[in-house]
Amino acid sequence: MIALTRLNGKKFVLNADLIRTVEEVPDTTITLLGGDHVIVREPMREVVSLVIEYGRSLRRMTPVT
């Protein structure tokens, strides 16, 4: 899960596994797997960094066999 901010200033948490694409057009628009769109205040680069860190944290929790 990643914490983001809607354009109206409200904070929310998004399941990063549901993200299909992230674009800046000019606002950062996140398209989810189901086709829904979310527009956020964070720049695209920050959203990508949050998703990468989320993935890393999941891998740290997975035991190596």
PDB file of N, CA and C in Angstrom:
ATOM      1  N   MET A   1       0.845  -1.172   0.000  1.00  0.00           N
ATOM      2  CA  MET A   1       0.000   0.000   0.000  1.00  0.00           C
ATOM      3  C   MET A   1       0.893   1.239   0.000  1.00  0.00           C
ATOM      4  N   ILE A   2       0.477   2.245  -0.763  1.00  0.00           N
ATOM      5  CA  ILE A   2       1.222   3.494  -0.792  1.00  0.00           C
ATOM      6  C   ILE A   2       0.282   4.645  -0.432  1.00  0.00           C
ATOM      7  N   ALA A   3       0.808   5.616   0.306  1.00  0.00           N
ATOM      8  CA  ALA A   3       0.019   6.774   0.728  1.00  0.00           C
ATOM      9  C   ALA A   3       0.152   7.877  -0.321  1.00  0.00           C
ATOM     10  N   LEU A   4      -0.990   8.412  -0.753  1.00  0.00           N
ATOM     11  CA  LEU A   4      -1.033   9.456  -1.772  1.00  0.00           C
ATOM     12  C   LEU A   4      -2.004  10.550  -1.350  1.00  0.00           C
ATOM     13  N   THR A   5      -2.053  11.625  -2.153  1.00  0.00           N
ATOM     14  CA  THR A   5      -2.931  12.753  -1.865  1.00  0.00           C
ATOM     15  C   THR A   5      -3.758  13.082  -3.102  1.00  0.00           C
ATOM     16  N   ARG A   6      -5.083  13.128  -2.924  1.00  0.00           N
ATOM     17  CA  ARG A   6      -5.958  13.537  -4.022  1.00  0.00           C
ATOM     18  C   ARG A   6      -5.768  15.032  -4.287  1.00  0.00           C
ATOM     19  N   LEU A   7      -6.248  15.515  -5.416  1.00  0.00           N
ATOM     20  CA  LEU A   7      -6.118  16.934  -5.750  1.00  0.00           C
ATOM     21  C   LEU A   7      -6.791  17.833  -4.726  1.00  0.00           C
ATOM     22  N   ASN A   8      -7.853  17.312  -4.050  1.00  0.00           N
ATOM     23  CA  ASN A   8      -8.563  18.120  -3.050  1.00  0.00           C
ATOM     24  C   ASN A   8      -7.850  18.134  -1.698  1.00  0.00           C
ATOM     25  N   GLY A   9      -6.681  17.494  -1.602  1.00  0.00           N
ATOM     26  CA  GLY A   9      -5.885  17.498  -0.381  1.00  0.00           C
ATOM     27  C   GLY A   9      -6.131  16.326   0.542  1.00  0.00           C
ATOM     28  N   LYS A  10      -7.106  15.484   0.236  1.00  0.00           N
ATOM     29  CA  LYS A  10      -7.391  14.336   1.102  1.00  0.00           C
ATOM     30  C   LYS A  10      -6.369  13.222   0.860  1.00  0.00           C
ATOM     31  N   LYS A  11      -5.852  12.711   1.972  1.00  0.00           N
ATOM     32  CA  LYS A  11      -4.900  11.599   1.921  1.00  0.00           C
ATOM     33  C   LYS A  11      -5.666  10.285   1.770  1.00  0.00           C
ATOM     34  N   PHE A  12      -5.067   9.320   1.065  1.00  0.00           N
ATOM     35  CA  PHE A  12      -5.642   7.986   0.955  1.00  0.00           C
ATOM     36  C   PHE A  12      -4.517   6.995   0.702  1.00  0.00           C
ATOM     37  N   VAL A  13      -4.837   5.725   0.827  1.00  0.00           N
ATOM     38  CA  VAL A  13      -3.863   4.660   0.613  1.00  0.00           C
ATOM     39  C   VAL A  13      -4.336   3.821  -0.561  1.00  0.00           C
ATOM     40  N   LEU A  14      -3.413   3.525  -1.465  1.00  0.00           N
ATOM     41  CA  LEU A  14      -3.727   2.772  -2.678  1.00  0.00           C
ATOM     42  C   LEU A  14      -2.949   1.467  -2.690  1.00  0.00           C
ATOM     43  N   ASN A  15      -3.616   0.391  -3.066  1.00  0.00           N
ATOM     44  CA  ASN A  15      -2.947  -0.890  -3.231  1.00  0.00           C
ATOM     45  C   ASN A  15      -2.098  -0.813  -4.501  1.00  0.00           C
ATOM     46  N   ALA A  16      -0.789  -0.765  -4.349  1.00  0.00           N
ATOM     47  CA  ALA A  16       0.124  -0.587  -5.474  1.00  0.00           C
ATOM     48  C   ALA A  16       0.043  -1.734  -6.476  1.00  0.00           C
ATOM     49  N   ASP A  17      -0.413  -2.897  -6.043  1.00  0.00           N
ATOM     50  CA  ASP A  17      -0.539  -4.040  -6.950  1.00  0.00           C
ATOM     51  C   ASP A  17      -1.639  -3.841  -7.985  1.00  0.00           C
ATOM     52  N   LEU A  18      -2.508  -2.866  -7.784  1.00  0.00           N
ATOM     53  CA  LEU A  18      -3.620  -2.626  -8.707  1.00  0.00           C
ATOM     54  C   LEU A  18      -3.295  -1.593  -9.782  1.00  0.00           C
ATOM     55  N   ILE A  19      -2.088  -1.041  -9.761  1.00  0.00           N
ATOM     56  CA  ILE A  19      -1.726   0.009 -10.717  1.00  0.00           C
ATOM     57  C   ILE A  19      -1.369  -0.599 -12.066  1.00  0.00           C
ATOM     58  N   ARG A  20      -2.017  -0.075 -13.116  1.00  0.00           N
ATOM     59  CA  ARG A  20      -1.678  -0.472 -14.486  1.00  0.00           C
ATOM     60  C   ARG A  20      -0.691   0.528 -15.085  1.00  0.00           C
ATOM     61  N   THR A  21      -1.018   1.827 -15.029  1.00  0.00           N
ATOM     62  CA  THR A  21      -0.126   2.856 -15.579  1.00  0.00           C
ATOM     63  C   THR A  21      -0.144   4.100 -14.695  1.00  0.00           C
ATOM     64  N   VAL A  22       0.921   4.897 -14.819  1.00  0.00           N
ATOM     65  CA  VAL A  22       1.008   6.204 -14.171  1.00  0.00           C
ATOM     66  C   VAL A  22       1.456   7.184 -15.251  1.00  0.00           C
ATOM     67  N   GLU A  23       0.701   8.284 -15.412  1.00  0.00           N
ATOM     68  CA  GLU A  23       1.010   9.280 -16.440  1.00  0.00           C
ATOM     69  C   GLU A  23       0.925  10.676 -15.839  1.00  0.00           C
ATOM     70  N   GLU A  24       1.648  11.619 -16.438  1.00  0.00           N
ATOM     71  CA  GLU A  24       1.499  13.032 -16.098  1.00  0.00           C
ATOM     72  C   GLU A  24       0.889  13.728 -17.312  1.00  0.00           C
ATOM     73  N   VAL A  25      -0.364  14.160 -17.185  1.00  0.00           N
ATOM     74  CA  VAL A  25      -1.095  14.690 -18.349  1.00  0.00           C
ATOM     75  C   VAL A  25      -1.911  15.949 -18.049  1.00  0.00           C
ATOM     76  N   PRO A  26      -1.546  17.036 -17.486  1.00  0.00           N
ATOM     77  CA  PRO A  26      -0.308  17.291 -16.746  1.00  0.00           C
ATOM     78  C   PRO A  26      -0.366  16.796 -15.308  1.00  0.00           C
ATOM     79  N   ASP A  27      -1.592  16.599 -14.732  1.00  0.00           N
ATOM     80  CA  ASP A  27      -1.672  16.036 -13.378  1.00  0.00           C
ATOM     81  C   ASP A  27      -1.313  14.561 -13.432  1.00  0.00           C
ATOM     82  N   THR A  28      -0.811  14.051 -12.322  1.00  0.00           N
ATOM     83  CA  THR A  28      -0.454  12.639 -12.257  1.00  0.00           C
ATOM     84  C   THR A  28      -1.726  11.809 -12.196  1.00  0.00           C
ATOM     85  N   THR A  29      -1.917  10.987 -13.214  1.00  0.00           N
ATOM     86  CA  THR A  29      -3.108  10.152 -13.335  1.00  0.00           C
ATOM     87  C   THR A  29      -2.691   8.694 -13.244  1.00  0.00           C
ATOM     88  N   ILE A  30      -3.289   7.984 -12.291  1.00  0.00           N
ATOM     89  CA  ILE A  30      -3.012   6.560 -12.087  1.00  0.00           C
ATOM     90  C   ILE A  30      -4.203   5.788 -12.634  1.00  0.00           C
ATOM     91  N   THR A  31      -3.928   4.864 -13.558  1.00  0.00           N
ATOM     92  CA  THR A  31      -4.964   3.986 -14.080  1.00  0.00           C
ATOM     93  C   THR A  31      -4.818   2.634 -13.394  1.00  0.00           C
ATOM     94  N   LEU A  32      -5.923   2.144 -12.854  1.00  0.00           N
ATOM     95  CA  LEU A  32      -5.911   0.871 -12.137  1.00  0.00           C
ATOM     96  C   LEU A  32      -6.281  -0.268 -13.076  1.00  0.00           C
ATOM     97  N   LEU A  33      -6.011  -1.486 -12.654  1.00  0.00           N
ATOM     98  CA  LEU A  33      -6.295  -2.659 -13.484  1.00  0.00           C
ATOM     99  C   LEU A  33      -7.755  -2.745 -13.901  1.00  0.00           C
ATOM    100  N   GLY A  34      -8.669  -2.292 -13.056  1.00  0.00           N
ATOM    101  CA  GLY A  34     -10.092  -2.336 -13.368  1.00  0.00           C
ATOM    102  C   GLY A  34     -10.550  -1.218 -14.285  1.00  0.00           C
ATOM    103  N   GLY A  35      -9.626  -0.297 -14.651  1.00  0.00           N
ATOM    104  CA  GLY A  35      -9.971   0.790 -15.546  1.00  0.00           C
ATOM    105  C   GLY A  35     -10.268   2.106 -14.852  1.00  0.00           C
ATOM    106  N   ASP A  36     -10.395   2.102 -13.523  1.00  0.00           N
ATOM    107  CA  ASP A  36     -10.629   3.347 -12.783  1.00  0.00           C
ATOM    108  C   ASP A  36      -9.389   4.226 -12.859  1.00  0.00           C
ATOM    109  N   HIS A  37      -9.603   5.544 -12.729  1.00  0.00           N
ATOM    110  CA  HIS A  37      -8.514   6.516 -12.741  1.00  0.00           C
ATOM    111  C   HIS A  37      -8.505   7.266 -11.420  1.00  0.00           C
ATOM    112  N   VAL A  38      -7.299   7.548 -10.922  1.00  0.00           N
ATOM    113  CA  VAL A  38      -7.125   8.344  -9.718  1.00  0.00           C
ATOM    114  C   VAL A  38      -6.132   9.451 -10.067  1.00  0.00           C
ATOM    115  N   ILE A  39      -6.492  10.696  -9.761  1.00  0.00           N
ATOM    116  CA  ILE A  39      -5.597  11.823 -10.010  1.00  0.00           C
ATOM    117  C   ILE A  39      -5.034  12.267  -8.671  1.00  0.00           C
ATOM    118  N   VAL A  40      -3.705  12.381  -8.601  1.00  0.00           N
ATOM    119  CA  VAL A  40      -3.036  12.686  -7.336  1.00  0.00           C
ATOM    120  C   VAL A  40      -2.112  13.892  -7.469  1.00  0.00           C
ATOM    121  N   ARG A  41      -1.765  14.471  -6.310  1.00  0.00           N
ATOM    122  CA  ARG A  41      -0.874  15.634  -6.274  1.00  0.00           C
ATOM    123  C   ARG A  41       0.590  15.260  -6.489  1.00  0.00           C
ATOM    124  N   GLU A  42       0.971  14.067  -6.075  1.00  0.00           N
ATOM    125  CA  GLU A  42       2.368  13.665  -6.162  1.00  0.00           C
ATOM    126  C   GLU A  42       2.800  13.558  -7.634  1.00  0.00           C
ATOM    127  N   PRO A  43       4.035  13.965  -7.933  1.00  0.00           N
ATOM    128  CA  PRO A  43       4.530  13.806  -9.300  1.00  0.00           C
ATOM    129  C   PRO A  43       4.730  12.330  -9.642  1.00  0.00           C
ATOM    130  N   MET A  44       4.716  12.022 -10.920  1.00  0.00           N
ATOM    131  CA  MET A  44       4.849  10.645 -11.385  1.00  0.00           C
ATOM    132  C   MET A  44       6.106   9.988 -10.811  1.00  0.00           C
ATOM    133  N   ARG A  45       7.198  10.696 -10.788  1.00  0.00           N
ATOM    134  CA  ARG A  45       8.464  10.143 -10.281  1.00  0.00           C
ATOM    135  C   ARG A  45       8.316   9.679  -8.834  1.00  0.00           C
ATOM    136  N   GLU A  46       7.595  10.451  -8.020  1.00  0.00           N
ATOM    137  CA  GLU A  46       7.396  10.078  -6.617  1.00  0.00           C
ATOM    138  C   GLU A  46       6.503   8.845  -6.494  1.00  0.00           C
ATOM    139  N   VAL A  47       5.455   8.769  -7.296  1.00  0.00           N
ATOM    140  CA  VAL A  47       4.571   7.591  -7.272  1.00  0.00           C
ATOM    141  C   VAL A  47       5.373   6.344  -7.635  1.00  0.00           C
ATOM    142  N   VAL A  48       6.185   6.439  -8.666  1.00  0.00           N
ATOM    143  CA  VAL A  48       7.006   5.293  -9.079  1.00  0.00           C
ATOM    144  C   VAL A  48       7.954   4.895  -7.950  1.00  0.00           C
ATOM    145  N   SER A  49       8.580   5.867  -7.298  1.00  0.00           N
ATOM    146  CA  SER A  49       9.488   5.571  -6.182  1.00  0.00           C
ATOM    147  C   SER A  49       8.758   4.882  -5.037  1.00  0.00           C
ATOM    148  N   LEU A  50       7.544   5.343  -4.734  1.00  0.00           N
ATOM    149  CA  LEU A  50       6.750   4.718  -3.670  1.00  0.00           C
ATOM    150  C   LEU A  50       6.407   3.268  -4.016  1.00  0.00           C
ATOM    151  N   VAL A  51       6.067   3.017  -5.268  1.00  0.00           N
ATOM    152  CA  VAL A  51       5.731   1.651  -5.698  1.00  0.00           C
ATOM    153  C   VAL A  51       6.966   0.754  -5.624  1.00  0.00           C
ATOM    154  N   ILE A  52       8.111   1.265  -6.044  1.00  0.00           N
ATOM    155  CA  ILE A  52       9.352   0.485  -5.969  1.00  0.00           C
ATOM    156  C   ILE A  52       9.683   0.156  -4.518  1.00  0.00           C
ATOM    157  N   GLU A  53       9.575   1.129  -3.625  1.00  0.00           N
ATOM    158  CA  GLU A  53       9.864   0.887  -2.207  1.00  0.00           C
ATOM    159  C   GLU A  53       8.874  -0.107  -1.612  1.00  0.00           C
ATOM    160  N   TYR A  54       7.609  -0.013  -2.020  1.00  0.00           N
ATOM    161  CA  TYR A  54       6.597  -0.975  -1.569  1.00  0.00           C
ATOM    162  C   TYR A  54       7.005  -2.393  -1.975  1.00  0.00           C
ATOM    163  N   GLY A  55       7.415  -2.571  -3.223  1.00  0.00           N
ATOM    164  CA  GLY A  55       7.848  -3.888  -3.696  1.00  0.00           C
ATOM    165  C   GLY A  55       9.053  -4.401  -2.935  1.00  0.00           C
ATOM    166  N   ARG A  56      10.001  -3.514  -2.664  1.00  0.00           N
ATOM    167  CA  ARG A  56      11.190  -3.905  -1.891  1.00  0.00           C
ATOM    168  C   ARG A  56      10.820  -4.350  -0.489  1.00  0.00           C
ATOM    169  N   SER A  57       9.876  -3.635   0.127  1.00  0.00           N
ATOM    170  CA  SER A  57       9.481  -4.004   1.491  1.00  0.00           C
ATOM    171  C   SER A  57       8.807  -5.374   1.505  1.00  0.00           C
ATOM    172  N   LEU A  58       8.050  -5.686   0.463  1.00  0.00           N
ATOM    173  CA  LEU A  58       7.433  -7.014   0.382  1.00  0.00           C
ATOM    174  C   LEU A  58       8.487  -8.098   0.239  1.00  0.00           C
ATOM    175  N   ARG A  59       9.502  -7.846  -0.578  1.00  0.00           N
ATOM    176  CA  ARG A  59      10.567  -8.846  -0.770  1.00  0.00           C
ATOM    177  C   ARG A  59      11.370  -9.061   0.502  1.00  0.00           C
ATOM    178  N   ARG A  60      11.531  -8.006   1.314  1.00  0.00           N
ATOM    179  CA  ARG A  60      12.265  -8.156   2.585  1.00  0.00           C
ATOM    180  C   ARG A  60      11.485  -9.039   3.561  1.00  0.00           C
ATOM    181  N   MET A  61      10.163  -9.055   3.446  1.00  0.00           N
ATOM    182  CA  MET A  61       9.340  -9.846   4.352  1.00  0.00           C
ATOM    183  C   MET A  61       9.241 -11.301   3.923  1.00  0.00           C
ATOM    184  N   THR A  62       9.599 -11.620   2.679  1.00  0.00           N
ATOM    185  CA  THR A  62       9.500 -12.978   2.161  1.00  0.00           C
ATOM    186  C   THR A  62      10.733 -13.766   2.559  1.00  0.00           C
ATOM    187  N   PRO A  63      10.554 -14.897   3.254  1.00  0.00           N
ATOM    188  CA  PRO A  63      11.711 -15.692   3.640  1.00  0.00           C
ATOM    189  C   PRO A  63      12.368 -16.324   2.422  1.00  0.00           C
ATOM    190  N   VAL A  64      13.682 -16.376   2.444  1.00  0.00           N
ATOM    191  CA  VAL A  64      14.445 -17.009   1.352  1.00  0.00           C
ATOM    192  C   VAL A  64      14.563 -18.478   1.657  1.00  0.00           C
ATOM    193  N   THR A  65      14.246 -19.315   0.674  1.00  0.00           N
ATOM    194  CA  THR A  65      14.344 -20.780   0.880  1.00  0.00           C
ATOM    195  C   THR A  65      15.435 -21.383   0.078  1.00  0.00           C
TER     196      THR A  65
END
